[in-house]
């Protein structure tokens, strides 16, 4: 029974750590490529850490709920008909979108004090649109990784949360830049 030995945990964890390192480097390079645009708009700099955490954290929360369901044996039915998956996705989506609305309010207040902020509805659109893109992508990946891990006999707790937390950064940065381009801000 080498599954819960130190060697077994390290053998399963090292490839995932390598993958998440590459994803993290890619996310950092994406931010670096837009550095001049970001410095010119300080309110966006304020939004980026919080927005990318929304996707990673809610995706990790969803992954933990799915992993717990698999461990209890109630998450193994078809994805479309599974109430655990459906209810978990709905709950995580509500948490993520609520956080993006609160973030837009906080960013607007701080931007008003600093004097170089956007209007509230502009910040609201930036936060909600980018969060919507991010949550859809991250939740899809979370469900796919959780079910694939379970199918191949790998503990979803060992795979989902590290990959999704880092993927949330990459997808979040991409979603923010796509939203800013769609709104013609940068």
N, C-alpha and C. Protein backbone atom coordinates (compact mmCIF):
# COMPACT_ATOMS: atom_id res chain seq x y z
N UNK A 1 0.84 -1.18 0.00
CA UNK A 1 0.00 0.00 0.00
C UNK A 1 0.88 1.24 0.00
N UNK A 2 1.40 1.60 -1.17
CA UNK A 2 2.32 2.72 -1.28
C UNK A 2 1.61 4.03 -1.58
N UNK A 3 0.28 4.03 -1.52
CA UNK A 3 -0.45 5.23 -1.91
C UNK A 3 -0.22 6.37 -0.93
N UNK A 4 -0.24 6.10 0.36
CA UNK A 4 -0.09 7.15 1.36
C UNK A 4 1.29 7.14 2.01
N UNK A 5 2.29 6.67 1.30
CA UNK A 5 3.66 6.76 1.80
C UNK A 5 4.27 8.07 1.31
N UNK A 6 5.36 8.45 1.93
CA UNK A 6 6.04 9.68 1.52
C UNK A 6 6.48 9.56 0.07
N UNK A 7 7.03 8.42 -0.30
CA UNK A 7 7.49 8.22 -1.68
C UNK A 7 6.31 8.31 -2.67
N UNK A 8 5.17 7.71 -2.32
CA UNK A 8 4.01 7.75 -3.20
C UNK A 8 3.47 9.16 -3.38
N UNK A 9 3.43 9.91 -2.29
CA UNK A 9 2.93 11.29 -2.36
C UNK A 9 3.88 12.15 -3.19
N UNK A 10 5.19 11.98 -3.00
CA UNK A 10 6.17 12.75 -3.77
C UNK A 10 6.10 12.38 -5.25
N UNK A 11 5.99 11.10 -5.55
CA UNK A 11 5.93 10.68 -6.96
C UNK A 11 4.70 11.23 -7.67
N UNK A 12 3.58 11.35 -6.97
CA UNK A 12 2.38 11.92 -7.58
C UNK A 12 2.44 13.45 -7.60
N UNK A 13 3.10 14.05 -6.63
CA UNK A 13 3.09 15.50 -6.50
C UNK A 13 4.09 16.23 -7.37
N UNK A 14 5.24 15.64 -7.64
CA UNK A 14 6.28 16.35 -8.41
C UNK A 14 5.84 16.75 -9.82
N UNK A 15 5.22 15.86 -10.59
CA UNK A 15 4.78 16.31 -11.92
C UNK A 15 3.76 17.45 -11.85
N UNK A 16 2.91 17.42 -10.85
CA UNK A 16 1.91 18.48 -10.71
C UNK A 16 2.58 19.79 -10.33
N UNK A 17 3.57 19.73 -9.44
CA UNK A 17 4.31 20.94 -9.07
C UNK A 17 5.05 21.52 -10.27
N UNK A 18 5.61 20.65 -11.10
CA UNK A 18 6.30 21.12 -12.30
C UNK A 18 5.32 21.81 -13.24
N UNK A 19 4.15 21.21 -13.44
CA UNK A 19 3.13 21.81 -14.30
C UNK A 19 2.66 23.15 -13.77
N UNK A 20 2.40 23.22 -12.47
CA UNK A 20 1.93 24.48 -11.90
C UNK A 20 3.01 25.55 -11.94
N UNK A 21 4.28 25.16 -11.86
CA UNK A 21 5.37 26.13 -12.00
C UNK A 21 5.37 26.74 -13.39
N UNK A 22 5.20 25.90 -14.40
CA UNK A 22 5.15 26.41 -15.78
C UNK A 22 3.95 27.33 -16.00
N UNK A 23 2.80 26.95 -15.45
CA UNK A 23 1.61 27.79 -15.58
C UNK A 23 1.81 29.13 -14.87
N UNK A 24 2.43 29.11 -13.70
CA UNK A 24 2.70 30.34 -12.97
C UNK A 24 3.66 31.25 -13.71
N UNK A 25 4.69 30.68 -14.31
CA UNK A 25 5.62 31.48 -15.11
C UNK A 25 4.93 32.10 -16.31
N UNK A 26 4.06 31.34 -16.94
CA UNK A 26 3.31 31.87 -18.09
C UNK A 26 2.42 33.02 -17.67
N UNK A 27 1.74 32.89 -16.55
CA UNK A 27 0.88 33.97 -16.05
C UNK A 27 1.70 35.22 -15.75
N UNK A 28 2.85 35.04 -15.14
CA UNK A 28 3.72 36.19 -14.85
C UNK A 28 4.21 36.87 -16.11
N UNK A 29 4.54 36.09 -17.13
CA UNK A 29 4.99 36.69 -18.39
C UNK A 29 3.87 37.43 -19.09
N UNK A 30 2.64 36.93 -18.96
CA UNK A 30 1.50 37.65 -19.55
C UNK A 30 1.33 39.01 -18.87
N UNK A 31 1.46 39.05 -17.56
CA UNK A 31 1.38 40.33 -16.85
C UNK A 31 2.52 41.25 -17.27
N UNK A 32 3.71 40.69 -17.38
CA UNK A 32 4.87 41.49 -17.76
C UNK A 32 4.73 42.08 -19.16
N UNK A 33 4.07 41.36 -20.05
CA UNK A 33 3.90 41.85 -21.42
C UNK A 33 2.99 43.07 -21.49
N UNK A 34 2.14 43.26 -20.51
CA UNK A 34 1.21 44.40 -20.48
C UNK A 34 1.58 45.41 -19.39
N UNK A 35 2.82 45.39 -18.95
CA UNK A 35 3.23 46.21 -17.81
C UNK A 35 3.00 47.70 -18.03
N UNK A 36 3.33 48.21 -19.21
CA UNK A 36 3.15 49.64 -19.47
C UNK A 36 1.68 50.04 -19.40
N UNK A 37 0.80 49.22 -19.97
CA UNK A 37 -0.63 49.50 -19.90
C UNK A 37 -1.14 49.46 -18.47
N UNK A 38 -0.64 48.52 -17.69
CA UNK A 38 -1.10 48.37 -16.32
C UNK A 38 -0.64 49.52 -15.43
N UNK A 39 0.58 49.99 -15.63
CA UNK A 39 1.08 51.10 -14.83
C UNK A 39 0.30 52.37 -15.13
N UNK A 40 -0.16 52.51 -16.36
CA UNK A 40 -0.94 53.70 -16.73
C UNK A 40 -2.34 53.70 -16.11
N UNK A 41 -2.82 52.54 -15.68
CA UNK A 41 -4.18 52.44 -15.11
C UNK A 41 -4.07 51.78 -13.73
N UNK A 42 -3.80 52.57 -12.68
CA UNK A 42 -3.58 51.97 -11.36
C UNK A 42 -4.78 51.22 -10.80
N UNK A 43 -5.98 51.60 -11.17
CA UNK A 43 -7.16 50.90 -10.65
C UNK A 43 -7.18 49.45 -11.13
N UNK A 44 -6.72 49.22 -12.35
CA UNK A 44 -6.65 47.84 -12.87
C UNK A 44 -5.60 47.05 -12.09
N UNK A 45 -4.50 47.71 -11.74
CA UNK A 45 -3.49 47.04 -10.91
C UNK A 45 -4.08 46.61 -9.58
N UNK A 46 -4.98 47.41 -9.05
CA UNK A 46 -5.67 47.06 -7.81
C UNK A 46 -6.57 45.84 -7.99
N UNK A 47 -7.20 45.74 -9.15
CA UNK A 47 -8.16 44.66 -9.40
C UNK A 47 -7.51 43.30 -9.66
N UNK A 48 -6.35 43.30 -10.30
CA UNK A 48 -5.77 42.05 -10.81
C UNK A 48 -5.58 40.99 -9.72
N UNK A 49 -4.92 41.28 -8.60
CA UNK A 49 -4.74 40.19 -7.62
C UNK A 49 -6.06 39.62 -7.11
N UNK A 50 -7.01 40.50 -6.85
CA UNK A 50 -8.29 40.01 -6.31
C UNK A 50 -9.08 39.23 -7.36
N UNK A 51 -9.08 39.71 -8.60
CA UNK A 51 -9.84 39.01 -9.64
C UNK A 51 -9.27 37.63 -9.94
N UNK A 52 -7.95 37.52 -9.98
CA UNK A 52 -7.39 36.20 -10.29
C UNK A 52 -7.58 35.24 -9.12
N UNK A 53 -7.68 35.77 -7.90
CA UNK A 53 -7.92 34.90 -6.76
C UNK A 53 -9.36 34.38 -6.72
N UNK A 54 -10.29 35.16 -7.27
CA UNK A 54 -11.69 34.71 -7.28
C UNK A 54 -11.81 33.38 -8.02
N UNK A 55 -11.23 33.29 -9.20
CA UNK A 55 -11.33 32.05 -9.98
C UNK A 55 -10.59 30.90 -9.34
N UNK A 56 -9.35 31.16 -8.89
CA UNK A 56 -8.57 30.10 -8.28
C UNK A 56 -9.17 29.59 -6.99
N UNK A 57 -9.64 30.51 -6.16
CA UNK A 57 -10.19 30.10 -4.87
C UNK A 57 -11.54 29.39 -5.00
N UNK A 58 -12.43 29.93 -5.83
CA UNK A 58 -13.73 29.26 -5.99
C UNK A 58 -13.57 27.95 -6.75
N UNK A 59 -12.63 27.90 -7.69
CA UNK A 59 -12.36 26.64 -8.38
C UNK A 59 -11.80 25.59 -7.43
N UNK A 60 -10.92 26.02 -6.52
CA UNK A 60 -10.38 25.10 -5.52
C UNK A 60 -11.47 24.64 -4.56
N UNK A 61 -12.36 25.56 -4.21
CA UNK A 61 -13.49 25.20 -3.35
C UNK A 61 -14.36 24.14 -4.03
N UNK A 62 -14.64 24.36 -5.31
CA UNK A 62 -15.43 23.39 -6.07
C UNK A 62 -14.70 22.05 -6.15
N UNK A 63 -13.39 22.10 -6.41
CA UNK A 63 -12.60 20.87 -6.48
C UNK A 63 -12.60 20.10 -5.17
N UNK A 64 -12.53 20.81 -4.05
CA UNK A 64 -12.56 20.15 -2.74
C UNK A 64 -13.91 19.49 -2.50
N UNK A 65 -14.98 20.15 -2.90
CA UNK A 65 -16.32 19.57 -2.74
C UNK A 65 -16.47 18.31 -3.61
N UNK A 66 -15.96 18.37 -4.84
CA UNK A 66 -16.04 17.20 -5.72
C UNK A 66 -15.18 16.06 -5.18
N UNK A 67 -13.98 16.38 -4.69
CA UNK A 67 -13.11 15.34 -4.14
C UNK A 67 -13.77 14.68 -2.94
N UNK A 68 -14.40 15.47 -2.09
CA UNK A 68 -15.10 14.90 -0.93
C UNK A 68 -16.24 14.00 -1.38
N UNK A 69 -16.95 14.42 -2.42
CA UNK A 69 -18.04 13.60 -2.95
C UNK A 69 -17.51 12.27 -3.49
N UNK A 70 -16.37 12.30 -4.17
CA UNK A 70 -15.78 11.06 -4.68
C UNK A 70 -15.37 10.15 -3.52
N UNK A 71 -14.77 10.72 -2.48
CA UNK A 71 -14.33 9.92 -1.33
C UNK A 71 -15.52 9.27 -0.63
N UNK A 72 -16.66 9.94 -0.64
CA UNK A 72 -17.86 9.38 0.00
C UNK A 72 -18.64 8.48 -0.95
N UNK A 73 -18.24 8.45 -2.23
CA UNK A 73 -18.90 7.58 -3.19
C UNK A 73 -20.16 8.15 -3.81
N UNK A 74 -20.42 9.45 -3.65
CA UNK A 74 -21.65 10.02 -4.21
C UNK A 74 -21.41 10.89 -5.43
N UNK A 75 -20.17 10.99 -5.87
CA UNK A 75 -19.90 11.85 -7.02
C UNK A 75 -19.54 11.10 -8.27
N UNK A 76 -19.85 9.81 -8.33
CA UNK A 76 -19.36 9.00 -9.43
C UNK A 76 -20.38 8.81 -10.55
N UNK A 77 -21.55 9.41 -10.46
CA UNK A 77 -22.54 9.25 -11.52
C UNK A 77 -22.24 10.23 -12.65
N UNK A 78 -23.07 10.22 -13.67
CA UNK A 78 -22.87 11.11 -14.81
C UNK A 78 -22.89 12.57 -14.38
N UNK A 79 -22.06 13.35 -15.01
CA UNK A 79 -21.92 14.77 -14.63
C UNK A 79 -23.25 15.50 -14.77
N UNK A 80 -23.95 15.27 -15.88
CA UNK A 80 -25.17 16.03 -16.16
C UNK A 80 -26.27 15.74 -15.14
N UNK A 81 -26.33 14.53 -14.63
CA UNK A 81 -27.42 14.13 -13.74
C UNK A 81 -27.04 14.18 -12.27
N UNK A 82 -25.82 14.57 -11.97
CA UNK A 82 -25.32 14.49 -10.62
C UNK A 82 -25.67 15.75 -9.83
N UNK A 83 -26.52 15.65 -8.81
CA UNK A 83 -26.89 16.84 -8.04
C UNK A 83 -25.73 17.42 -7.24
N UNK A 84 -24.76 16.59 -6.85
CA UNK A 84 -23.60 17.11 -6.12
C UNK A 84 -22.81 18.07 -7.00
N UNK A 85 -22.57 17.67 -8.24
CA UNK A 85 -21.83 18.53 -9.16
C UNK A 85 -22.63 19.79 -9.46
N UNK A 86 -23.90 19.62 -9.78
CA UNK A 86 -24.74 20.77 -10.12
C UNK A 86 -24.81 21.78 -8.97
N UNK A 87 -25.12 21.31 -7.78
CA UNK A 87 -25.26 22.20 -6.63
C UNK A 87 -23.92 22.84 -6.25
N UNK A 88 -22.84 22.10 -6.38
CA UNK A 88 -21.53 22.65 -6.06
C UNK A 88 -21.13 23.74 -7.05
N UNK A 89 -21.41 23.52 -8.33
CA UNK A 89 -21.09 24.53 -9.34
C UNK A 89 -21.93 25.79 -9.11
N UNK A 90 -23.21 25.62 -8.82
CA UNK A 90 -24.08 26.78 -8.58
C UNK A 90 -23.60 27.57 -7.36
N UNK A 91 -23.27 26.87 -6.29
CA UNK A 91 -22.81 27.55 -5.07
C UNK A 91 -21.50 28.29 -5.31
N UNK A 92 -20.56 27.65 -5.99
CA UNK A 92 -19.27 28.30 -6.26
C UNK A 92 -19.45 29.48 -7.20
N UNK A 93 -20.36 29.37 -8.17
CA UNK A 93 -20.60 30.47 -9.10
C UNK A 93 -21.20 31.67 -8.36
N UNK A 94 -22.13 31.41 -7.45
CA UNK A 94 -22.73 32.50 -6.67
C UNK A 94 -21.66 33.19 -5.82
N UNK A 95 -20.80 32.41 -5.19
CA UNK A 95 -19.72 32.99 -4.38
C UNK A 95 -18.79 33.83 -5.25
N UNK A 96 -18.40 33.31 -6.41
CA UNK A 96 -17.49 34.03 -7.30
C UNK A 96 -18.07 35.32 -7.83
N UNK A 97 -19.31 35.28 -8.28
CA UNK A 97 -19.93 36.49 -8.82
C UNK A 97 -20.21 37.51 -7.72
N UNK A 98 -20.58 37.05 -6.54
CA UNK A 98 -20.79 37.97 -5.41
C UNK A 98 -19.47 38.66 -5.05
N UNK A 99 -18.39 37.91 -5.05
CA UNK A 99 -17.08 38.49 -4.75
C UNK A 99 -16.69 39.53 -5.80
N UNK A 100 -17.02 39.28 -7.06
CA UNK A 100 -16.66 40.25 -8.10
C UNK A 100 -17.47 41.54 -7.97
N UNK A 101 -18.72 41.43 -7.54
CA UNK A 101 -19.53 42.64 -7.32
C UNK A 101 -18.97 43.44 -6.15
N UNK A 102 -18.65 42.76 -5.06
CA UNK A 102 -18.07 43.45 -3.90
C UNK A 102 -16.73 44.08 -4.28
N UNK A 103 -15.94 43.37 -5.07
CA UNK A 103 -14.66 43.91 -5.53
C UNK A 103 -14.84 45.18 -6.34
N UNK A 104 -15.84 45.21 -7.21
CA UNK A 104 -16.07 46.42 -8.02
C UNK A 104 -16.43 47.60 -7.13
N UNK A 105 -17.19 47.36 -6.07
CA UNK A 105 -17.56 48.44 -5.14
C UNK A 105 -16.32 48.94 -4.40
N UNK A 106 -15.51 48.03 -3.90
CA UNK A 106 -14.30 48.42 -3.17
C UNK A 106 -13.33 49.16 -4.08
N UNK A 107 -13.14 48.67 -5.30
CA UNK A 107 -12.23 49.34 -6.25
C UNK A 107 -12.73 50.73 -6.61
N UNK A 108 -14.03 50.88 -6.74
CA UNK A 108 -14.60 52.20 -7.05
C UNK A 108 -14.37 53.17 -5.90
N UNK A 109 -14.56 52.71 -4.67
CA UNK A 109 -14.34 53.57 -3.50
C UNK A 109 -12.87 53.99 -3.41
N UNK A 110 -11.97 53.04 -3.55
CA UNK A 110 -10.54 53.36 -3.48
C UNK A 110 -10.14 54.26 -4.65
N UNK A 111 -10.65 53.96 -5.85
CA UNK A 111 -10.35 54.80 -7.00
C UNK A 111 -10.87 56.22 -6.83
N UNK A 112 -11.99 56.38 -6.17
CA UNK A 112 -12.54 57.72 -5.91
C UNK A 112 -11.65 58.50 -4.96
N UNK A 113 -11.09 57.84 -3.96
CA UNK A 113 -10.19 58.52 -3.02
C UNK A 113 -8.89 58.91 -3.69
N UNK A 114 -8.36 58.03 -4.52
CA UNK A 114 -7.10 58.30 -5.20
C UNK A 114 -7.28 59.33 -6.30
N UNK A 115 -8.44 59.33 -6.91
CA UNK A 115 -8.75 60.34 -7.92
C UNK A 115 -8.46 59.93 -9.35
N UNK A 116 -8.06 58.70 -9.58
CA UNK A 116 -7.78 58.28 -10.95
C UNK A 116 -8.55 57.01 -11.32
N UNK A 117 -9.70 56.84 -10.72
CA UNK A 117 -10.47 55.63 -10.95
C UNK A 117 -11.45 55.75 -12.09
N UNK A 118 -12.06 54.64 -12.40
CA UNK A 118 -13.12 54.57 -13.39
C UNK A 118 -14.44 54.84 -12.70
N UNK A 119 -15.48 55.01 -13.49
CA UNK A 119 -16.82 55.09 -12.94
C UNK A 119 -17.24 53.74 -12.41
N UNK A 120 -18.24 53.74 -11.55
CA UNK A 120 -18.66 52.49 -10.92
C UNK A 120 -19.11 51.45 -11.95
N UNK A 121 -19.91 51.86 -12.93
CA UNK A 121 -20.44 50.87 -13.87
C UNK A 121 -19.35 50.30 -14.77
N UNK A 122 -18.33 51.08 -15.05
CA UNK A 122 -17.19 50.55 -15.81
C UNK A 122 -16.47 49.48 -15.00
N UNK A 123 -16.20 49.77 -13.74
CA UNK A 123 -15.55 48.78 -12.87
C UNK A 123 -16.44 47.55 -12.68
N UNK A 124 -17.73 47.78 -12.54
CA UNK A 124 -18.68 46.68 -12.39
C UNK A 124 -18.63 45.77 -13.62
N UNK A 125 -18.61 46.37 -14.81
CA UNK A 125 -18.54 45.56 -16.04
C UNK A 125 -17.22 44.82 -16.14
N UNK A 126 -16.11 45.49 -15.82
CA UNK A 126 -14.81 44.84 -15.88
C UNK A 126 -14.79 43.62 -14.95
N UNK A 127 -15.23 43.82 -13.72
CA UNK A 127 -15.19 42.74 -12.73
C UNK A 127 -16.13 41.59 -13.09
N UNK A 128 -17.36 41.91 -13.46
CA UNK A 128 -18.31 40.83 -13.71
C UNK A 128 -18.03 40.08 -15.01
N UNK A 129 -17.65 40.80 -16.05
CA UNK A 129 -17.36 40.12 -17.32
C UNK A 129 -16.13 39.24 -17.20
N UNK A 130 -15.06 39.79 -16.63
CA UNK A 130 -13.84 38.98 -16.50
C UNK A 130 -14.06 37.81 -15.53
N UNK A 131 -14.83 38.03 -14.48
CA UNK A 131 -15.13 36.92 -13.56
C UNK A 131 -15.96 35.85 -14.23
N UNK A 132 -16.90 36.26 -15.06
CA UNK A 132 -17.74 35.30 -15.78
C UNK A 132 -16.87 34.42 -16.69
N UNK A 133 -15.99 35.05 -17.47
CA UNK A 133 -15.08 34.28 -18.33
C UNK A 133 -14.23 33.33 -17.49
N UNK A 134 -13.65 33.87 -16.43
CA UNK A 134 -12.75 33.08 -15.61
C UNK A 134 -13.46 31.91 -14.93
N UNK A 135 -14.62 32.18 -14.35
CA UNK A 135 -15.33 31.12 -13.63
C UNK A 135 -15.78 30.01 -14.57
N UNK A 136 -16.25 30.36 -15.75
CA UNK A 136 -16.68 29.32 -16.70
C UNK A 136 -15.51 28.42 -17.09
N UNK A 137 -14.36 29.03 -17.39
CA UNK A 137 -13.19 28.25 -17.79
C UNK A 137 -12.64 27.42 -16.63
N UNK A 138 -12.51 28.05 -15.47
CA UNK A 138 -11.92 27.36 -14.32
C UNK A 138 -12.83 26.24 -13.82
N UNK A 139 -14.13 26.48 -13.78
CA UNK A 139 -15.05 25.43 -13.32
C UNK A 139 -15.08 24.26 -14.29
N UNK A 140 -15.02 24.53 -15.57
CA UNK A 140 -14.97 23.44 -16.56
C UNK A 140 -13.71 22.60 -16.35
N UNK A 141 -12.58 23.27 -16.16
CA UNK A 141 -11.33 22.56 -15.92
C UNK A 141 -11.37 21.80 -14.60
N UNK A 142 -11.97 22.39 -13.58
CA UNK A 142 -12.07 21.73 -12.27
C UNK A 142 -12.84 20.42 -12.38
N UNK A 143 -13.98 20.48 -13.03
CA UNK A 143 -14.81 19.27 -13.18
C UNK A 143 -14.06 18.22 -13.99
N UNK A 144 -13.44 18.63 -15.08
CA UNK A 144 -12.71 17.68 -15.93
C UNK A 144 -11.55 17.05 -15.18
N UNK A 145 -10.76 17.85 -14.46
CA UNK A 145 -9.61 17.31 -13.74
C UNK A 145 -10.06 16.42 -12.59
N UNK A 146 -11.10 16.81 -11.88
CA UNK A 146 -11.59 15.99 -10.76
C UNK A 146 -12.08 14.63 -11.25
N UNK A 147 -12.89 14.63 -12.30
CA UNK A 147 -13.41 13.36 -12.81
C UNK A 147 -12.30 12.52 -13.43
N UNK A 148 -11.35 13.15 -14.15
CA UNK A 148 -10.25 12.39 -14.74
C UNK A 148 -9.36 11.80 -13.65
N UNK A 149 -9.06 12.57 -12.62
CA UNK A 149 -8.24 12.05 -11.52
C UNK A 149 -8.91 10.85 -10.87
N UNK A 150 -10.19 10.98 -10.61
CA UNK A 150 -10.92 9.88 -9.97
C UNK A 150 -10.96 8.65 -10.89
N UNK A 151 -11.17 8.89 -12.17
CA UNK A 151 -11.26 7.78 -13.13
C UNK A 151 -9.95 7.01 -13.21
N UNK A 152 -8.82 7.73 -13.14
CA UNK A 152 -7.52 7.07 -13.27
C UNK A 152 -6.91 6.67 -11.93
N UNK A 153 -7.72 6.75 -10.86
CA UNK A 153 -7.27 6.27 -9.57
C UNK A 153 -6.33 7.20 -8.83
N UNK A 154 -6.30 8.45 -9.20
CA UNK A 154 -5.47 9.44 -8.52
C UNK A 154 -6.38 10.23 -7.58
N UNK A 155 -5.90 10.50 -6.39
CA UNK A 155 -6.69 11.26 -5.42
C UNK A 155 -6.92 12.67 -5.94
N UNK A 156 -8.18 13.08 -6.17
CA UNK A 156 -8.45 14.43 -6.67
C UNK A 156 -7.93 15.54 -5.75
N UNK A 157 -7.79 15.25 -4.46
CA UNK A 157 -7.22 16.24 -3.54
C UNK A 157 -5.78 16.58 -3.91
N UNK A 158 -5.06 15.61 -4.48
CA UNK A 158 -3.66 15.83 -4.85
C UNK A 158 -3.50 16.56 -6.17
N UNK A 159 -4.53 16.57 -7.00
CA UNK A 159 -4.38 17.16 -8.33
C UNK A 159 -5.18 18.43 -8.54
N UNK A 160 -6.42 18.43 -8.12
CA UNK A 160 -7.34 19.51 -8.48
C UNK A 160 -6.90 20.85 -7.91
N UNK A 161 -6.70 20.92 -6.62
CA UNK A 161 -6.46 22.22 -5.99
C UNK A 161 -5.16 22.86 -6.47
N UNK A 162 -4.01 22.16 -6.53
CA UNK A 162 -2.81 22.85 -7.02
C UNK A 162 -2.93 23.30 -8.47
N UNK A 163 -3.50 22.46 -9.31
CA UNK A 163 -3.61 22.83 -10.73
C UNK A 163 -4.60 23.96 -10.90
N UNK A 164 -5.74 23.90 -10.25
CA UNK A 164 -6.78 24.91 -10.44
C UNK A 164 -6.37 26.25 -9.84
N UNK A 165 -5.68 26.24 -8.71
CA UNK A 165 -5.24 27.51 -8.13
C UNK A 165 -4.31 28.25 -9.09
N UNK A 166 -3.41 27.52 -9.73
CA UNK A 166 -2.49 28.15 -10.68
C UNK A 166 -3.18 28.45 -12.00
N UNK A 167 -4.03 27.54 -12.46
CA UNK A 167 -4.77 27.78 -13.70
C UNK A 167 -5.70 28.98 -13.54
N UNK A 168 -6.23 29.17 -12.33
CA UNK A 168 -7.06 30.34 -12.06
C UNK A 168 -6.30 31.64 -12.28
N UNK A 169 -5.01 31.66 -11.92
CA UNK A 169 -4.19 32.85 -12.18
C UNK A 169 -4.05 33.09 -13.68
N UNK A 170 -3.71 32.05 -14.41
CA UNK A 170 -3.50 32.19 -15.85
C UNK A 170 -4.78 32.59 -16.57
N UNK A 171 -5.86 31.91 -16.27
CA UNK A 171 -7.15 32.21 -16.91
C UNK A 171 -7.66 33.57 -16.47
N UNK A 172 -7.45 33.91 -15.19
CA UNK A 172 -7.89 35.20 -14.69
C UNK A 172 -7.20 36.36 -15.37
N UNK A 173 -5.90 36.26 -15.55
CA UNK A 173 -5.15 37.31 -16.24
C UNK A 173 -5.62 37.42 -17.68
N UNK A 174 -5.80 36.28 -18.33
CA UNK A 174 -6.31 36.29 -19.71
C UNK A 174 -7.69 36.92 -19.77
N UNK A 175 -8.57 36.56 -18.85
CA UNK A 175 -9.94 37.10 -18.84
C UNK A 175 -9.94 38.61 -18.62
N UNK A 176 -9.07 39.09 -17.73
CA UNK A 176 -9.00 40.54 -17.49
C UNK A 176 -8.56 41.26 -18.75
N UNK A 177 -7.51 40.77 -19.40
CA UNK A 177 -7.03 41.44 -20.61
C UNK A 177 -8.04 41.36 -21.75
N UNK A 178 -8.71 40.22 -21.89
CA UNK A 178 -9.75 40.11 -22.93
C UNK A 178 -10.87 41.10 -22.65
N UNK A 179 -11.28 41.19 -21.40
CA UNK A 179 -12.35 42.14 -21.03
C UNK A 179 -11.92 43.57 -21.29
N UNK A 180 -10.69 43.91 -20.92
CA UNK A 180 -10.20 45.28 -21.15
C UNK A 180 -10.11 45.59 -22.64
N UNK A 181 -9.74 44.60 -23.44
CA UNK A 181 -9.71 44.82 -24.90
C UNK A 181 -11.12 44.93 -25.46
N UNK A 182 -12.04 44.10 -24.99
CA UNK A 182 -13.43 44.19 -25.46
C UNK A 182 -14.05 45.54 -25.13
N UNK A 183 -13.70 46.07 -23.97
CA UNK A 183 -14.24 47.37 -23.55
C UNK A 183 -13.40 48.53 -24.08
N UNK A 184 -12.36 48.21 -24.85
CA UNK A 184 -11.46 49.18 -25.48
C UNK A 184 -10.81 50.11 -24.45
N UNK A 185 -10.39 49.53 -23.34
CA UNK A 185 -9.68 50.29 -22.32
C UNK A 185 -8.18 50.24 -22.57
N UNK A 186 -7.68 49.07 -22.99
CA UNK A 186 -6.27 48.99 -23.38
C UNK A 186 -6.19 48.45 -24.79
